[in-house]
């Protein structure tokens, strides 16, 4: 019983340490989309080779660039956003899920064996 309580506490502590708040995730995704918008607008403008650039394109680019400037988009923030998004993507792709299930089943089997030995 004590071991099980300890395992539960450790599991909860690990989950809390790895938890990413929705606000942090949303902010990182939003900043990444703004960066992508700026790059896409720049690429389209470059591909036009001096041809008249649609005013909407300049507006979208400037709006995204201004919002990024307002949050002081630094290389460190970009790197942190990329790391967070990679980690979340890794958590959602199912990698390691089988191993976690096996460990959980092993713990459940151990618990059942302990109960059977007591009876």
Foldseek 3Di string as FASTA:
>chain_A
DVVVVVVVVVVVVVCVVPDDDPVNLVVLVLLVVLVVLLVVLVVVVVVCPPDDDPPVSVVSNVVSVVVCVVVVPDPVSNVVSVVVVVVVVVVPVCVCVVVVVVVVVVVVVVVVVVVVVVD
